[in-house]
C-alpha atoms as a PDB file:
ATOM      1  CA  MET A   1      25.259  23.947  -2.176  1.00  0.00           C
ATOM      2  CA  ASP A   2      22.319  21.647  -2.402  1.00  0.00           C
ATOM      3  CA  THR A   3      20.082  22.550  -5.230  1.00  0.00           C
ATOM      4  CA  ARG A   4      17.657  19.563  -4.939  1.00  0.00           C
ATOM      5  CA  PRO A   5      14.158  19.875  -4.641  1.00  0.00           C
ATOM      6  CA  SER A   6      13.003  20.237  -1.006  1.00  0.00           C
ATOM      7  CA  VAL A   7      11.190  17.825   1.098  1.00  0.00           C
ATOM      8  CA  ASN A   8       7.836  19.629   0.725  1.00  0.00           C
ATOM      9  CA  GLU A   9       8.219  19.451  -3.249  1.00  0.00           C
ATOM     10  CA  LEU A  10       9.142  16.150  -3.586  1.00  0.00           C
ATOM     11  CA  PHE A  11       6.618  14.539  -0.960  1.00  0.00           C
ATOM     12  CA  GLU A  12       3.005  15.058  -0.352  1.00  0.00           C
ATOM     13  CA  HIS A  13       3.610  15.087   3.325  1.00  0.00           C
ATOM     14  CA  ARG A  14       5.408  13.035   6.143  1.00  0.00           C
ATOM     15  CA  LEU A  15       4.029  10.791   8.594  1.00  0.00           C
ATOM     16  CA  THR A  16       6.149   9.848  11.558  1.00  0.00           C
ATOM     17  CA  CYS A  17       5.143   6.201  13.222  1.00  0.00           C
ATOM     18  CA  PRO A  18       4.232   4.512  15.759  1.00  0.00           C
ATOM     19  CA  ASP A  19       1.162   6.898  15.651  1.00  0.00           C
ATOM     20  CA  PHE A  20      -2.131   6.776  17.050  1.00  0.00           C
ATOM     21  CA  GLU A  21      -4.102   8.140  14.425  1.00  0.00           C
ATOM     22  CA  LEU A  22      -2.444   5.754  12.021  1.00  0.00           C
ATOM     23  CA  LYS A  23      -3.430   2.798  14.431  1.00  0.00           C
ATOM     24  CA  GLU A  24      -6.864   3.802  14.273  1.00  0.00           C
ATOM     25  CA  ARG A  25      -6.953   3.852  10.578  1.00  0.00           C
ATOM     26  CA  LEU A  26      -5.240   0.272  10.082  1.00  0.00           C
ATOM     27  CA  ALA A  27      -7.245  -1.264  12.609  1.00  0.00           C
ATOM     28  CA  ARG A  28     -10.625  -0.080  10.438  1.00  0.00           C
ATOM     29  CA  LEU A  29      -9.010  -2.067   7.179  1.00  0.00           C
ATOM     30  CA  VAL A  30     -10.851  -5.018   8.181  1.00  0.00           C
ATOM     31  CA  GLY A  31     -11.114  -8.227   6.362  1.00  0.00           C
ATOM     32  CA  ILE A  32      -7.358  -7.856   5.201  1.00  0.00           C
ATOM     33  CA  ASP A  33      -5.692  -9.340   8.041  1.00  0.00           C
ATOM     34  CA  GLY A  34      -3.354 -11.809   5.977  1.00  0.00           C
ATOM     35  CA  TYR A  35      -2.031  -8.935   4.325  1.00  0.00           C
ATOM     36  CA  LYS A  36      -1.646  -6.715   7.079  1.00  0.00           C
ATOM     37  CA  ALA A  37       0.243  -9.579   8.750  1.00  0.00           C
ATOM     38  CA  ARG A  38       2.212 -10.725   5.574  1.00  0.00           C
ATOM     39  CA  LEU A  39       3.392  -6.714   4.945  1.00  0.00           C
ATOM     40  CA  THR A  40       4.267  -5.887   8.384  1.00  0.00           C
ATOM     41  CA  LYS A  41       6.387  -8.946   8.576  1.00  0.00           C
ATOM     42  CA  MET A  42       8.405  -7.984   5.195  1.00  0.00           C
ATOM     43  CA  LEU A  43       9.062  -4.322   5.757  1.00  0.00           C
ATOM     44  CA  GLY A  44      10.134  -5.333   9.414  1.00  0.00           C
ATOM     45  CA  LEU A  45      12.946  -7.716   7.766  1.00  0.00           C
ATOM     46  CA  LEU A  46      13.635  -5.039   4.847  1.00  0.00           C
ATOM     47  CA  VAL A  47      14.015  -1.898   7.411  1.00  0.00           C
ATOM     48  CA  ASN A  48      15.236  -3.631  10.444  1.00  0.00           C
ATOM     49  CA  PRO A  49      17.377  -6.807   9.347  1.00  0.00           C
ATOM     50  CA  ALA A  50      18.730  -7.304  12.704  1.00  0.00           C
ATOM     51  CA  GLY A  51      15.720  -8.763  13.801  1.00  0.00           C
ATOM     52  CA  LEU A  52      15.656 -11.519  11.800  1.00  0.00           C
ATOM     53  CA  ARG A  53      19.468 -12.441  12.810  1.00  0.00           C
ATOM     54  CA  THR A  54      18.336 -11.983  16.785  1.00  0.00           C
ATOM     55  CA  TRP A  55      15.398 -14.968  15.736  1.00  0.00           C
ATOM     56  CA  ALA A  56      17.326 -17.105  13.753  1.00  0.00           C
ATOM     57  CA  LYS A  57      20.349 -17.046  16.297  1.00  0.00           C
ATOM     58  CA  ARG A  58      17.220 -18.453  19.018  1.00  0.00           C
ATOM     59  CA  TYR A  59      15.813 -20.715  16.932  1.00  0.00           C
ATOM     60  CA  HIS A  60      17.995 -21.562  14.129  1.00  0.00           C
ATOM     61  CA  PRO A  61      21.827 -20.959  14.867  1.00  0.00           C
ATOM     62  CA  ARG A  62      23.127 -22.860  11.585  1.00  0.00           C
ATOM     63  CA  ALA A  63      20.944 -21.301   9.085  1.00  0.00           C
ATOM     64  CA  ASN A  64      23.242 -18.886   7.716  1.00  0.00           C
ATOM     65  CA  ASN A  65      22.358 -19.556   4.073  1.00  0.00           C
ATOM     66  CA  VAL A  66      18.650 -19.023   4.409  1.00  0.00           C
ATOM     67  CA  VAL A  67      18.931 -16.065   6.395  1.00  0.00           C
ATOM     68  CA  ASN A  68      20.883 -14.307   3.699  1.00  0.00           C
ATOM     69  CA  ALA A  69      18.939 -15.148   0.843  1.00  0.00           C
ATOM     70  CA  VAL A  70      16.138 -13.659   2.725  1.00  0.00           C
ATOM     71  CA  LEU A  71      17.713 -10.375   3.492  1.00  0.00           C
ATOM     72  CA  GLU A  72      19.466  -9.620   0.310  1.00  0.00           C
ATOM     73  CA  ARG A  73      16.224  -9.408  -1.470  1.00  0.00           C
ATOM     74  CA  PRO A  74      15.645  -5.754  -2.677  1.00  0.00           C
ATOM     75  CA  PRO A  75      13.851  -3.292  -0.350  1.00  0.00           C
ATOM     76  CA  LEU A  76      10.679  -3.066  -2.668  1.00  0.00           C
ATOM     77  CA  VAL A  77       7.130  -4.132  -2.088  1.00  0.00           C
ATOM     78  CA  ILE A  78       3.781  -3.913  -4.579  1.00  0.00           C
ATOM     79  CA  LEU A  79       0.733  -3.833  -3.516  1.00  0.00           C
ATOM     80  CA  ALA A  80      -1.582  -4.526  -6.828  1.00  0.00           C
ATOM     81  CA  GLY A  81      -5.252  -4.718  -7.366  1.00  0.00           C
ATOM     82  CA  ASP A  82      -8.821  -3.237  -8.127  1.00  0.00           C
ATOM     83  CA  VAL A  83      -9.516   0.213  -7.118  1.00  0.00           C
ATOM     84  CA  GLY A  84     -10.776   0.179  -3.956  1.00  0.00           C
ATOM     85  CA  SER A  85      -9.032  -2.497  -2.393  1.00  0.00           C
ATOM     86  CA  GLY A  86      -7.578  -0.643   0.773  1.00  0.00           C
ATOM     87  CA  LYS A  87      -3.997  -0.653  -0.987  1.00  0.00           C
ATOM     88  CA  THR A  88      -2.954   2.579  -0.345  1.00  0.00           C
ATOM     89  CA  GLU A  89      -4.704   3.361   2.745  1.00  0.00           C
ATOM     90  CA  LEU A  90      -2.693  -0.101   3.867  1.00  0.00           C
ATOM     91  CA  ALA A  91       0.562   1.226   2.635  1.00  0.00           C
ATOM     92  CA  GLU A  92      -0.360   4.632   4.445  1.00  0.00           C
ATOM     93  CA  SER A  93      -0.839   3.006   7.605  1.00  0.00           C
ATOM     94  CA  ILE A  94       1.159  -0.076   7.858  1.00  0.00           C
ATOM     95  CA  GLY A  95       4.134   1.708   9.010  1.00  0.00           C
ATOM     96  CA  ASP A  96       2.658   2.427  12.560  1.00  0.00           C
ATOM     97  CA  ALA A  97       2.326  -1.609  13.111  1.00  0.00           C
ATOM     98  CA  VAL A  98       6.143  -2.339  11.615  1.00  0.00           C
ATOM     99  CA  ALA A  99       7.096   0.618  13.825  1.00  0.00           C
ATOM    100  CA  ARG A 100       5.745  -1.139  16.860  1.00  0.00           C
ATOM    101  CA  GLN A 101       6.770  -4.612  15.958  1.00  0.00           C
ATOM    102  CA  GLU A 102      10.425  -3.270  15.639  1.00  0.00           C
ATOM    103  CA  ASP A 103      10.615  -0.992  18.343  1.00  0.00           C
ATOM    104  CA  ILE A 104      11.923   2.168  16.232  1.00  0.00           C
ATOM    105  CA  GLU A 105      10.225   5.092  15.053  1.00  0.00           C
ATOM    106  CA  ILE A 106       9.439   4.717  11.044  1.00  0.00           C
ATOM    107  CA  THR A 107       8.776   7.691   9.297  1.00  0.00           C
ATOM    108  CA  LEU A 108       6.860   7.629   5.885  1.00  0.00           C
ATOM    109  CA  PHE A 109       7.286   9.553   2.679  1.00  0.00           C
ATOM    110  CA  PRO A 110       4.454   9.283   0.181  1.00  0.00           C
ATOM    111  CA  MET A 111       5.941  10.352  -3.272  1.00  0.00           C
ATOM    112  CA  SER A 112       4.057  13.061  -5.239  1.00  0.00           C
ATOM    113  CA  LEU A 113       2.641  12.700  -8.209  1.00  0.00           C
ATOM    114  CA  SER A 114       4.189  15.727  -9.515  1.00  0.00           C
ATOM    115  CA  THR A 115       7.400  13.641  -9.203  1.00  0.00           C
ATOM    116  CA  ARG A 116       6.627  13.596 -12.652  1.00  0.00           C
ATOM    117  CA  GLY A 117       7.298  17.168 -13.158  1.00  0.00           C
ATOM    118  CA  GLN A 118       6.296  19.386 -16.317  1.00  0.00           C
ATOM    119  CA  GLY A 119       7.792  17.328 -18.965  1.00  0.00           C
ATOM    120  CA  ARG A 120      10.868  19.114 -19.561  1.00  0.00           C
ATOM    121  CA  VAL A 121      13.816  17.172 -20.448  1.00  0.00           C
ATOM    122  CA  GLY A 122      15.532  15.696 -17.993  1.00  0.00           C
ATOM    123  CA  GLU A 123      13.328  16.748 -15.123  1.00  0.00           C
ATOM    124  CA  MET A 124      11.158  13.512 -14.247  1.00  0.00           C
ATOM    125  CA  THR A 125      14.783  11.669 -13.847  1.00  0.00           C
ATOM    126  CA  GLN A 126      16.258  14.622 -11.521  1.00  0.00           C
ATOM    127  CA  LEU A 127      13.294  14.624  -9.649  1.00  0.00           C
ATOM    128  CA  LEU A 128      13.292  10.652  -8.711  1.00  0.00           C
ATOM    129  CA  ALA A 129      16.993  10.695  -8.035  1.00  0.00           C
ATOM    130  CA  ALA A 130      16.250  13.502  -5.467  1.00  0.00           C
ATOM    131  CA  ALA A 131      13.332  11.596  -3.992  1.00  0.00           C
ATOM    132  CA  PHE A 132      15.435   8.747  -3.611  1.00  0.00           C
ATOM    133  CA  GLY A 133      18.397  10.712  -2.451  1.00  0.00           C
ATOM    134  CA  HIS A 134      16.358  12.111   0.557  1.00  0.00           C
ATOM    135  CA  ALA A 135      15.091   8.841   1.520  1.00  0.00           C
ATOM    136  CA  PHE A 136      18.966   7.454   1.070  1.00  0.00           C
ATOM    137  CA  ASP A 137      19.911  10.399   3.424  1.00  0.00           C
ATOM    138  CA  GLU A 138      17.641  10.031   6.093  1.00  0.00           C
ATOM    139  CA  ALA A 139      18.231   6.133   6.256  1.00  0.00           C
ATOM    140  CA  SER A 140      22.018   6.339   6.032  1.00  0.00           C
ATOM    141  CA  ARG A 141      21.507   8.625   9.723  1.00  0.00           C
ATOM    142  CA  LEU A 142      18.914   5.684  11.080  1.00  0.00           C
ATOM    143  CA  LYS A 143      21.446   3.030  10.586  1.00  0.00           C
ATOM    144  CA  ALA A 144      22.918   1.325  13.340  1.00  0.00           C
ATOM    145  CA  ALA A 145      26.168  -0.699  14.292  1.00  0.00           C
ATOM    146  CA  GLY A 146      25.956  -4.352  13.406  1.00  0.00           C
ATOM    147  CA  GLY A 147      22.795  -3.900  10.887  1.00  0.00           C
ATOM    148  CA  GLY A 148      20.900  -2.776  13.439  1.00  0.00           C
ATOM    149  CA  ALA A 149      18.176   0.141  12.875  1.00  0.00           C
ATOM    150  CA  ARG A 150      17.436   3.212  15.185  1.00  0.00           C
ATOM    151  CA  GLY A 151      14.975   3.911  12.629  1.00  0.00           C
ATOM    152  CA  ALA A 152      13.519   3.431   9.326  1.00  0.00           C
ATOM    153  CA  VAL A 153      12.188   4.841   6.151  1.00  0.00           C
ATOM    154  CA  ILE A 154       9.533   3.802   3.526  1.00  0.00           C
ATOM    155  CA  LEU A 155       9.228   5.627   0.314  1.00  0.00           C
ATOM    156  CA  LEU A 156       5.494   5.448  -0.544  1.00  0.00           C
ATOM    157  CA  VAL A 157       4.463   5.866  -4.900  1.00  0.00           C
ATOM    158  CA  ASP A 158       0.969   5.742  -5.348  1.00  0.00           C
ATOM    159  CA  GLU A 159      -0.533   5.434  -8.965  1.00  0.00           C
ATOM    160  CA  ALA A 160       3.284   3.401  -9.389  1.00  0.00           C
ATOM    161  CA  ASP A 161       2.607   2.769 -13.153  1.00  0.00           C
ATOM    162  CA  ALA A 162       2.860   6.753 -13.660  1.00  0.00           C
ATOM    163  CA  LEU A 163       6.399   6.669 -12.805  1.00  0.00           C
ATOM    164  CA  THR A 164       7.591   2.962 -14.007  1.00  0.00           C
ATOM    165  CA  GLN A 165       5.466   2.041 -17.073  1.00  0.00           C
ATOM    166  CA  SER A 166       7.018  -1.015 -18.769  1.00  0.00           C
ATOM    167  CA  ARG A 167      10.125   0.446 -21.123  1.00  0.00           C
ATOM    168  CA  GLU A 168       8.656  -2.399 -23.507  1.00  0.00           C
ATOM    169  CA  ALA A 169       5.519   0.049 -24.370  1.00  0.00           C
ATOM    170  CA  THR A 170       6.781   1.161 -28.052  1.00  0.00           C
ATOM    171  CA  GLN A 171       4.890   4.596 -27.424  1.00  0.00           C
ATOM    172  CA  MET A 172       6.615   5.656 -24.585  1.00  0.00           C
ATOM    173  CA  HIS A 173       8.728   8.740 -24.112  1.00  0.00           C
ATOM    174  CA  HIS A 174      12.614   8.785 -24.221  1.00  0.00           C
ATOM    175  CA  GLU A 175      12.072  10.994 -20.676  1.00  0.00           C
ATOM    176  CA  ASP A 176       9.525   8.189 -19.402  1.00  0.00           C
ATOM    177  CA  ARG A 177      12.046   5.611 -19.799  1.00  0.00           C
ATOM    178  CA  ALA A 178      15.328   7.315 -18.193  1.00  0.00           C
ATOM    179  CA  GLY A 179      12.519   8.251 -15.179  1.00  0.00           C
ATOM    180  CA  VAL A 180      12.105   4.069 -14.815  1.00  0.00           C
ATOM    181  CA  ASN A 181      15.761   3.962 -15.035  1.00  0.00           C
ATOM    182  CA  ALA A 182      16.457   6.276 -12.109  1.00  0.00           C
ATOM    183  CA  PHE A 183      13.956   4.616 -10.336  1.00  0.00           C
ATOM    184  CA  ILE A 184      15.627   1.494 -10.692  1.00  0.00           C
ATOM    185  CA  ARG A 185      18.789   3.168  -9.492  1.00  0.00           C
ATOM    186  CA  GLY A 186      17.330   4.261  -6.382  1.00  0.00           C
ATOM    187  CA  VAL A 187      16.045   0.997  -5.720  1.00  0.00           C
ATOM    188  CA  ASP A 188      19.368  -0.490  -6.076  1.00  0.00           C
ATOM    189  CA  ARG A 189      21.371   2.054  -4.421  1.00  0.00           C
ATOM    190  CA  LEU A 190      19.353   1.508  -1.033  1.00  0.00           C
ATOM    191  CA  ALA A 191      19.548  -2.407  -1.392  1.00  0.00           C
ATOM    192  CA  ARG A 192      23.660  -2.261  -1.956  1.00  0.00           C
ATOM    193  CA  ALA A 193      23.605   0.401   1.339  1.00  0.00           C
ATOM    194  CA  ARG A 194      21.782  -2.269   3.291  1.00  0.00           C
ATOM    195  CA  LEU A 195      19.897   0.755   4.789  1.00  0.00           C
ATOM    196  CA  PRO A 196      17.143   0.949   7.051  1.00  0.00           C
ATOM    197  CA  ALA A 197      14.531   1.787   4.355  1.00  0.00           C
ATOM    198  CA  ALA A 198      12.030   0.165   2.093  1.00  0.00           C
ATOM    199  CA  VAL A 199      10.018   0.912  -1.123  1.00  0.00           C
ATOM    200  CA  ILE A 200       5.884   0.355  -1.102  1.00  0.00           C
ATOM    201  CA  MET A 201       4.502   0.694  -5.004  1.00  0.00           C
ATOM    202  CA  CYS A 202       0.733   0.646  -5.265  1.00  0.00           C
ATOM    203  CA  THR A 203      -0.696  -0.024  -8.921  1.00  0.00           C
ATOM    204  CA  ASN A 204      -4.412  -0.795 -10.075  1.00  0.00           C
ATOM    205  CA  ARG A 205      -2.153  -1.885 -13.310  1.00  0.00           C
ATOM    206  CA  LEU A 206       0.617  -4.407 -12.479  1.00  0.00           C
ATOM    207  CA  GLY A 207       1.162  -5.502 -15.730  1.00  0.00           C
ATOM    208  CA  ALA A 208       1.956  -1.923 -16.797  1.00  0.00           C
ATOM    209  CA  LEU A 209       4.992  -2.047 -14.270  1.00  0.00           C
ATOM    210  CA  ASP A 210       8.468  -2.556 -16.171  1.00  0.00           C
ATOM    211  CA  PRO A 211       9.599  -6.058 -15.929  1.00  0.00           C
ATOM    212  CA  ALA A 212      12.806  -4.858 -13.735  1.00  0.00           C
ATOM    213  CA  VAL A 213      10.903  -2.861 -11.674  1.00  0.00           C
ATOM    214  CA  ARG A 214       8.527  -6.278 -10.572  1.00  0.00           C
ATOM    215  CA  ARG A 215      11.486  -8.646 -10.695  1.00  0.00           C
ATOM    216  CA  ARG A 216      13.386  -6.435  -7.916  1.00  0.00           C
ATOM    217  CA  ALA A 217      10.368  -6.741  -5.538  1.00  0.00           C
ATOM    218  CA  ALA A 218      10.593  -8.634  -2.282  1.00  0.00           C
ATOM    219  CA  ASP A 219       6.938  -9.409  -2.466  1.00  0.00           C
ATOM    220  CA  VAL A 220       4.136  -8.571  -4.398  1.00  0.00           C
ATOM    221  CA  LEU A 221       0.445  -8.547  -2.683  1.00  0.00           C
ATOM    222  CA  LEU A 222      -2.317  -9.103  -4.933  1.00  0.00           C
ATOM    223  CA  PHE A 223      -5.504  -7.490  -3.587  1.00  0.00           C
ATOM    224  CA  GLY A 224      -8.821  -8.890  -5.227  1.00  0.00           C
ATOM    225  CA  ARG A 225     -12.814  -7.861  -4.136  1.00  0.00           C
ATOM    226  CA  PRO A 226     -14.140  -8.976  -0.687  1.00  0.00           C
ATOM    227  CA  ASP A 227     -15.853 -12.273  -1.000  1.00  0.00           C
ATOM    228  CA  ASP A 228     -18.431 -13.150   0.951  1.00  0.00           C
ATOM    229  CA  SER A 229     -16.624 -13.745   3.997  1.00  0.00           C
ATOM    230  CA  ASP A 230     -14.739 -10.569   3.972  1.00  0.00           C
ATOM    231  CA  ARG A 231     -18.040  -8.736   3.286  1.00  0.00           C
ATOM    232  CA  HIS A 232     -19.757 -10.067   6.062  1.00  0.00           C
ATOM    233  CA  VAL A 233     -16.982  -8.960   8.459  1.00  0.00           C
ATOM    234  CA  VAL A 234     -16.941  -5.337   7.011  1.00  0.00           C
ATOM    235  CA  LEU A 235     -20.250  -5.163   7.525  1.00  0.00           C
ATOM    236  CA  ARG A 236     -21.761  -7.215  10.487  1.00  0.00           C
ATOM    237  CA  GLN A 237     -20.642  -4.505  13.150  1.00  0.00           C
ATOM    238  CA  PRO A 238     -21.913  -1.686  11.984  1.00  0.00           C
ATOM    239  CA  LEU A 239     -25.333  -3.220  10.787  1.00  0.00           C
ATOM    240  CA  LYS A 240     -25.498  -4.933  14.043  1.00  0.00           C
ATOM    241  CA  GLU A 241     -25.258  -1.300  15.635  1.00  0.00           C
ATOM    242  CA  LEU A 242     -28.239  -0.387  13.666  1.00  0.00           C
ATOM    243  CA  GLY A 243     -29.993  -3.010  14.848  1.00  0.00           C
ATOM    244  CA  PHE A 244     -29.722  -5.492  12.208  1.00  0.00           C
ATOM    245  CA  SER A 245     -30.393  -9.354  12.735  1.00  0.00           C
ATOM    246  CA  ASP A 246     -28.076 -11.558  11.610  1.00  0.00           C
ATOM    247  CA  PRO A 247     -30.778 -12.557   8.465  1.00  0.00           C
ATOM    248  CA  GLU A 248     -30.939  -9.139   7.409  1.00  0.00           C
ATOM    249  CA  VAL A 249     -27.249  -8.583   7.843  1.00  0.00           C
ATOM    250  CA  HIS A 250     -26.604 -11.876   5.642  1.00  0.00           C
ATOM    251  CA  ALA A 251     -28.961 -10.068   3.029  1.00  0.00           C
ATOM    252  CA  VAL A 252     -27.093  -6.766   2.846  1.00  0.00           C
ATOM    253  CA  VAL A 253     -23.741  -9.024   2.398  1.00  0.00           C
ATOM    254  CA  ALA A 254     -25.390 -11.041  -0.422  1.00  0.00           C
ATOM    255  CA  ALA A 255     -27.104  -8.171  -2.035  1.00  0.00           C
ATOM    256  CA  THR A 256     -23.306  -6.592  -2.567  1.00  0.00           C
ATOM    257  CA  GLY A 257     -21.887  -9.747  -3.996  1.00  0.00           C
ATOM    258  CA  ALA A 258     -21.766 -10.379  -7.671  1.00  0.00           C
ATOM    259  CA  ARG A 259     -25.096 -10.135  -9.477  1.00  0.00           C
ATOM    260  CA  GLU A 260     -27.064 -11.030 -12.783  1.00  0.00           C
ATOM    261  CA  GLY A 261     -25.154  -8.870 -15.229  1.00  0.00           C
ATOM    262  CA  LEU A 262     -21.917  -8.548 -13.211  1.00  0.00           C
ATOM    263  CA  ASP A 263     -19.113 -10.870 -12.267  1.00  0.00           C
ATOM    264  CA  TYR A 264     -18.143  -8.998  -8.982  1.00  0.00           C
ATOM    265  CA  GLY A 265     -19.179  -7.315  -6.142  1.00  0.00           C
ATOM    266  CA  PHE A 266     -18.381  -4.383  -4.444  1.00  0.00           C
ATOM    267  CA  THR A 267     -14.936  -2.999  -3.250  1.00  0.00           C
ATOM    268  CA  PHE A 268     -14.270  -2.536   0.764  1.00  0.00           C
ATOM    269  CA  SER A 269     -14.456   1.415  -0.122  1.00  0.00           C
ATOM    270  CA  ASP A 270     -17.704   0.558  -1.594  1.00  0.00           C
ATOM    271  CA  LEU A 271     -18.970  -1.064   1.276  1.00  0.00           C
ATOM    272  CA  THR A 272     -17.374   1.745   3.697  1.00  0.00           C
ATOM    273  CA  GLN A 273     -17.478   4.825   2.091  1.00  0.00           C
ATOM    274  CA  ARG A 274     -20.764   4.398  -0.061  1.00  0.00           C
ATOM    275  CA  LEU A 275     -23.213   1.656   1.370  1.00  0.00           C
ATOM    276  CA  LEU A 276     -22.971   2.403   4.632  1.00  0.00           C
ATOM    277  CA  PRO A 277     -22.909   6.065   4.704  1.00  0.00           C
ATOM    278  CA  ALA A 278     -25.870   6.104   1.964  1.00  0.00           C
ATOM    279  CA  ILE A 279     -27.891   3.831   4.565  1.00  0.00           C
ATOM    280  CA  VAL A 280     -27.365   6.151   7.165  1.00  0.00           C
ATOM    281  CA  LEU A 281     -27.837   9.600   5.489  1.00  0.00           C
ATOM    282  CA  ASP A 282     -31.075   8.118   3.488  1.00  0.00           C
ATOM    283  CA  ALA A 283     -32.989   7.977   7.163  1.00  0.00           C
ATOM    284  CA  TYR A 284     -31.252  10.973   8.794  1.00  0.00           C
ATOM    285  CA  PRO A 285     -32.310  13.179  10.055  1.00  0.00           C
ATOM    286  CA  ASP A 286     -36.060  12.093  10.784  1.00  0.00           C
ATOM    287  CA  ARG A 287     -36.118   8.482  11.186  1.00  0.00           C
ATOM    288  CA  SER A 288     -34.486   5.180  11.979  1.00  0.00           C
ATOM    289  CA  VAL A 289     -32.518   2.905   9.594  1.00  0.00           C
ATOM    290  CA  GLY A 290     -34.719   0.304   8.663  1.00  0.00           C
ATOM    291  CA  ALA A 291     -32.849  -3.032   7.525  1.00  0.00           C
ATOM    292  CA  THR A 292     -35.791  -3.538   4.649  1.00  0.00           C
ATOM    293  CA  ARG A 293     -35.109   0.326   3.218  1.00  0.00           C
ATOM    294  CA  ALA A 294     -31.126  -0.761   3.584  1.00  0.00           C
ATOM    295  CA  LEU A 295     -31.532  -3.848   1.809  1.00  0.00           C
ATOM    296  CA  GLU A 296     -33.029  -1.475  -1.424  1.00  0.00           C
ATOM    297  CA  ILE A 297     -29.959   1.225  -1.438  1.00  0.00           C
ATOM    298  CA  ALA A 298     -27.533  -2.087  -1.430  1.00  0.00           C
ATOM    299  CA  THR A 299     -29.204  -3.337  -4.308  1.00  0.00           C
ATOM    300  CA  ALA A 300     -29.960  -0.013  -6.313  1.00  0.00           C
ATOM    301  CA  MET A 301     -26.449   0.411  -5.755  1.00  0.00           C
ATOM    302  CA  GLU A 302     -23.985  -0.519  -8.335  1.00  0.00           C
ATOM    303  CA  PRO A 303     -20.107  -1.593  -7.096  1.00  0.00           C
ATOM    304  CA  THR A 304     -17.283   0.414  -8.845  1.00  0.00           C
ATOM    305  CA  PRO A 305     -16.338  -0.604 -12.341  1.00  0.00           C
ATOM    306  CA  ARG A 306     -13.532  -2.609 -12.741  1.00  0.00           C
ATOM    307  CA  PHE A 307     -10.013  -0.799 -13.502  1.00  0.00           C
ATOM    308  CA  GLU A 308      -9.389  -1.884 -17.184  1.00  0.00           C
ATOM    309  CA  ALA A 309      -5.568  -3.207 -17.062  1.00  0.00           C
ATOM    310  CA  GLY A 310      -3.487  -2.245 -19.809  1.00  0.00           C
ATOM    311  CA  VAL A 311       0.309  -1.388 -20.639  1.00  0.00           C
ATOM    312  CA  GLY A 312      -0.331   1.108 -22.722  1.00  0.00           C
END
């Protein structure tokens, strides 16, 4: 009898790709196209290594050592950076791009923070082992002959430092250390079996992650705040739709950058979830949006403070 927690207990929900809604969510993440392309390629190689071997056979038929070096990396990618930089939204929606690229169905399992358990001895270790066990079983059914994949699984761990904080922290509880060990064993088990599965970790505190976890990452994507060019990409189209001229758009873009007393500007979520709604709601329902008023709103709005990362 299987006494492991159910999928619903371990994961917040499941997302199956390709999916039109996820495709739209991914498209709305403007200004980070480089991250999208890099992550799509990386996950494609991790969940469907046959694709790289097909490419190598066509273009570099003698490059066996190089191909093996690429494919032997653990199936783990870390997305790290400031609050509001788009990490989690990218992690949740990138499966659609990978599914379309590799022409397979991908199921995303976002791990619930309840996986930390209630603090009972051994509970977090058991829950993490169960989560990886579900991912392992699902991916095993999807592995095809010859290293190909009939489908794939992506395990998403948001706020990863809550589960994999460095074991070097002196105040770390024994149960937390055991949980980190269980996480590492789960990644290693997926790697040894060469299954069509990958793990994405999102964190605001890269330095807080256990060094052994960081060493296992096939790639670490570092997200910063949008620069002038990125903010222009985000704001130009919606502001032009509201009738702003190019100089008026540039004025708002400049107002959302670093300013006196602050050496950082708006995050992506500040722009899309705070500033643009504030501009619209200020005018609704009885007048049109004005560029002068929009600039006043942008100037008065404070960007989200930086997350003070620490290991403790």
